[in-house]
Amino acid sequence: MDNNNDKISDLKKKINSIEKSHQSESMPKKESGVSFGFKISTELVAALVVGVGIGLLVDNYFNTKPFGLIIFFILGAFAGFFNVYRVMRRIEKQ
C-alpha cells in the first residue's frame, strides 16, 4: 500500500511540473525596450521606403518628377504612423 501511495505522489508531482511548464510557455513574454523600439522604427522605415519607391516608379512612368515622390512620401508617412498606432493599441490590450 505504501508503494502505491509513493507512485501516486510521484505521478502528481510530475503532472504539476508539466502543467507549470505549459503555463509558463503560454504566457506572452514582455518585450524589452530595445526590441520594442526596433519594431516601431522598422514599421516607420518600411512604410516610408515603400512610399518613396512607389513615388519614384510613378514619377518615372508618368514623367511627373517631384509630385509622385512627394505625394507617396506623405502617404507612406501616414501609413507608418498608422502602423505604429496599431502596434501601440495591440500592446496596450495586453
C-alpha atoms as a PDB file:
ATOM      1  CA  MET A   1       0.000   0.000   0.000  1.00  0.00           C
ATOM      2  CA  ASP A   2       2.864   2.373   0.797  1.00  0.00           C
ATOM      3  CA  ASN A   3       4.369   1.624  -2.603  1.00  0.00           C
ATOM      4  CA  ASN A   4       1.147   2.674  -4.364  1.00  0.00           C
ATOM      5  CA  ASN A   5       0.977   5.947  -2.391  1.00  0.00           C
ATOM      6  CA  ASP A   6       4.576   6.745  -3.388  1.00  0.00           C
ATOM      7  CA  LYS A   7       3.775   6.103  -7.056  1.00  0.00           C
ATOM      8  CA  ILE A   8       0.671   8.286  -6.879  1.00  0.00           C
ATOM      9  CA  SER A   9       2.517  11.150  -5.215  1.00  0.00           C
ATOM     10  CA  ASP A  10       5.326  10.882  -7.793  1.00  0.00           C
ATOM     11  CA  LEU A  11       2.745  10.980 -10.579  1.00  0.00           C
ATOM     12  CA  LYS A  12       1.068  14.061  -9.037  1.00  0.00           C
ATOM     13  CA  LYS A  13       4.437  15.817  -8.842  1.00  0.00           C
ATOM     14  CA  LYS A  14       5.148  15.066 -12.496  1.00  0.00           C
ATOM     15  CA  ILE A  15       1.704  16.298 -13.548  1.00  0.00           C
ATOM     16  CA  ASN A  16       2.132  19.518 -11.571  1.00  0.00           C
ATOM     17  CA  SER A  17       5.571  20.189 -13.063  1.00  0.00           C
ATOM     18  CA  ILE A  18       4.272  19.599 -16.604  1.00  0.00           C
ATOM     19  CA  GLU A  19       1.280  21.906 -16.001  1.00  0.00           C
ATOM     20  CA  LYS A  20       3.565  24.651 -14.670  1.00  0.00           C
ATOM     21  CA  SER A  21       5.849  24.385 -17.698  1.00  0.00           C
ATOM     22  CA  HIS A  22       2.882  24.646 -20.068  1.00  0.00           C
ATOM     23  CA  GLN A  23       1.512  27.668 -18.223  1.00  0.00           C
ATOM     24  CA  SER A  24       4.823  29.493 -18.455  1.00  0.00           C
ATOM     25  CA  GLU A  25       5.073  28.727 -22.182  1.00  0.00           C
ATOM     26  CA  SER A  26       1.560  30.005 -22.938  1.00  0.00           C
ATOM     27  CA  MET A  27       2.029  33.341 -21.148  1.00  0.00           C
ATOM     28  CA  PRO A  28       3.244  36.083 -23.502  1.00  0.00           C
ATOM     29  CA  LYS A  29       6.712  37.331 -22.742  1.00  0.00           C
ATOM     30  CA  LYS A  30       7.307  41.000 -22.092  1.00  0.00           C
ATOM     31  CA  GLU A  31       9.327  42.717 -24.749  1.00  0.00           C
ATOM     32  CA  SER A  32      12.446  44.589 -23.863  1.00  0.00           C
ATOM     33  CA  GLY A  33      12.731  48.281 -24.660  1.00  0.00           C
ATOM     34  CA  VAL A  34      15.239  47.667 -27.422  1.00  0.00           C
ATOM     35  CA  SER A  35      13.052  45.162 -29.259  1.00  0.00           C
ATOM     36  CA  PHE A  36      10.033  47.448 -28.900  1.00  0.00           C
ATOM     37  CA  GLY A  37      11.984  50.413 -30.300  1.00  0.00           C
ATOM     38  CA  PHE A  38      13.301  48.294 -33.146  1.00  0.00           C
ATOM     39  CA  LYS A  39       9.779  47.124 -34.013  1.00  0.00           C
ATOM     40  CA  ILE A  40       8.438  50.697 -34.046  1.00  0.00           C
ATOM     41  CA  SER A  41      11.319  52.066 -36.116  1.00  0.00           C
ATOM     42  CA  THR A  42      11.029  49.175 -38.572  1.00  0.00           C
ATOM     43  CA  GLU A  43       7.331  49.914 -39.074  1.00  0.00           C
ATOM     44  CA  LEU A  44       8.049  53.567 -39.836  1.00  0.00           C
ATOM     45  CA  VAL A  45      11.061  52.980 -42.091  1.00  0.00           C
ATOM     46  CA  ALA A  46       9.381  50.195 -44.069  1.00  0.00           C
ATOM     47  CA  ALA A  47       6.319  52.308 -44.798  1.00  0.00           C
ATOM     48  CA  LEU A  48       8.469  55.266 -45.866  1.00  0.00           C
ATOM     49  CA  VAL A  49      10.654  53.101 -48.122  1.00  0.00           C
ATOM     50  CA  VAL A  50       7.602  51.598 -49.823  1.00  0.00           C
ATOM     51  CA  GLY A  51       6.021  55.039 -50.260  1.00  0.00           C
ATOM     52  CA  VAL A  52       9.190  56.550 -51.737  1.00  0.00           C
ATOM     53  CA  GLY A  53       9.648  53.522 -54.015  1.00  0.00           C
ATOM     54  CA  ILE A  54       6.135  53.781 -55.371  1.00  0.00           C
ATOM     55  CA  GLY A  55       6.553  57.538 -55.754  1.00  0.00           C
ATOM     56  CA  LEU A  56       9.727  57.087 -57.805  1.00  0.00           C
ATOM     57  CA  LEU A  57       8.044  54.484 -60.006  1.00  0.00           C
ATOM     58  CA  VAL A  58       5.057  56.758 -60.585  1.00  0.00           C
ATOM     59  CA  ASP A  59       7.370  59.679 -61.411  1.00  0.00           C
ATOM     60  CA  ASN A  60       9.323  57.623 -63.939  1.00  0.00           C
ATOM     61  CA  TYR A  61       6.218  56.138 -65.538  1.00  0.00           C
ATOM     62  CA  PHE A  62       4.155  59.334 -65.826  1.00  0.00           C
ATOM     63  CA  ASN A  63       7.113  61.755 -66.044  1.00  0.00           C
ATOM     64  CA  THR A  64       5.883  63.913 -63.148  1.00  0.00           C
ATOM     65  CA  LYS A  65       9.205  64.284 -61.392  1.00  0.00           C
ATOM     66  CA  PRO A  66       8.683  65.679 -57.900  1.00  0.00           C
ATOM     67  CA  PHE A  67       4.935  65.251 -57.410  1.00  0.00           C
ATOM     68  CA  GLY A  68       4.659  61.455 -57.223  1.00  0.00           C
ATOM     69  CA  LEU A  69       7.562  61.278 -54.803  1.00  0.00           C
ATOM     70  CA  ILE A  70       6.090  63.969 -52.552  1.00  0.00           C
ATOM     71  CA  ILE A  71       2.571  62.511 -52.556  1.00  0.00           C
ATOM     72  CA  PHE A  72       3.666  58.924 -51.912  1.00  0.00           C
ATOM     73  CA  PHE A  73       6.194  60.022 -49.287  1.00  0.00           C
ATOM     74  CA  ILE A  74       3.350  61.666 -47.375  1.00  0.00           C
ATOM     75  CA  LEU A  75       1.130  58.606 -47.849  1.00  0.00           C
ATOM     76  CA  GLY A  76       3.968  56.364 -46.655  1.00  0.00           C
ATOM     77  CA  ALA A  77       4.457  58.526 -43.582  1.00  0.00           C
ATOM     78  CA  PHE A  78       0.747  58.291 -42.772  1.00  0.00           C
ATOM     79  CA  ALA A  79       0.845  54.525 -43.266  1.00  0.00           C
ATOM     80  CA  GLY A  80       3.886  54.269 -40.989  1.00  0.00           C
ATOM     81  CA  PHE A  81       2.239  56.271 -38.220  1.00  0.00           C
ATOM     82  CA  PHE A  82      -0.934  54.212 -38.588  1.00  0.00           C
ATOM     83  CA  ASN A  83       1.109  51.004 -38.233  1.00  0.00           C
ATOM     84  CA  VAL A  84       2.786  52.376 -35.105  1.00  0.00           C
ATOM     85  CA  TYR A  85      -0.642  53.286 -33.729  1.00  0.00           C
ATOM     86  CA  ARG A  86      -1.904  49.724 -34.345  1.00  0.00           C
ATOM     87  CA  VAL A  87       1.150  48.224 -32.620  1.00  0.00           C
ATOM     88  CA  MET A  88       0.663  50.518 -29.642  1.00  0.00           C
ATOM     89  CA  ARG A  89      -3.018  49.571 -29.363  1.00  0.00           C
ATOM     90  CA  ARG A  90      -2.154  45.856 -29.517  1.00  0.00           C
ATOM     91  CA  ILE A  91       0.438  46.252 -26.765  1.00  0.00           C
ATOM     92  CA  GLU A  92      -1.977  48.322 -24.696  1.00  0.00           C
ATOM     93  CA  LYS A  93      -4.551  45.499 -24.801  1.00  0.00           C
ATOM     94  CA  GLN A  94      -2.008  43.010 -23.464  1.00  0.00           C
END
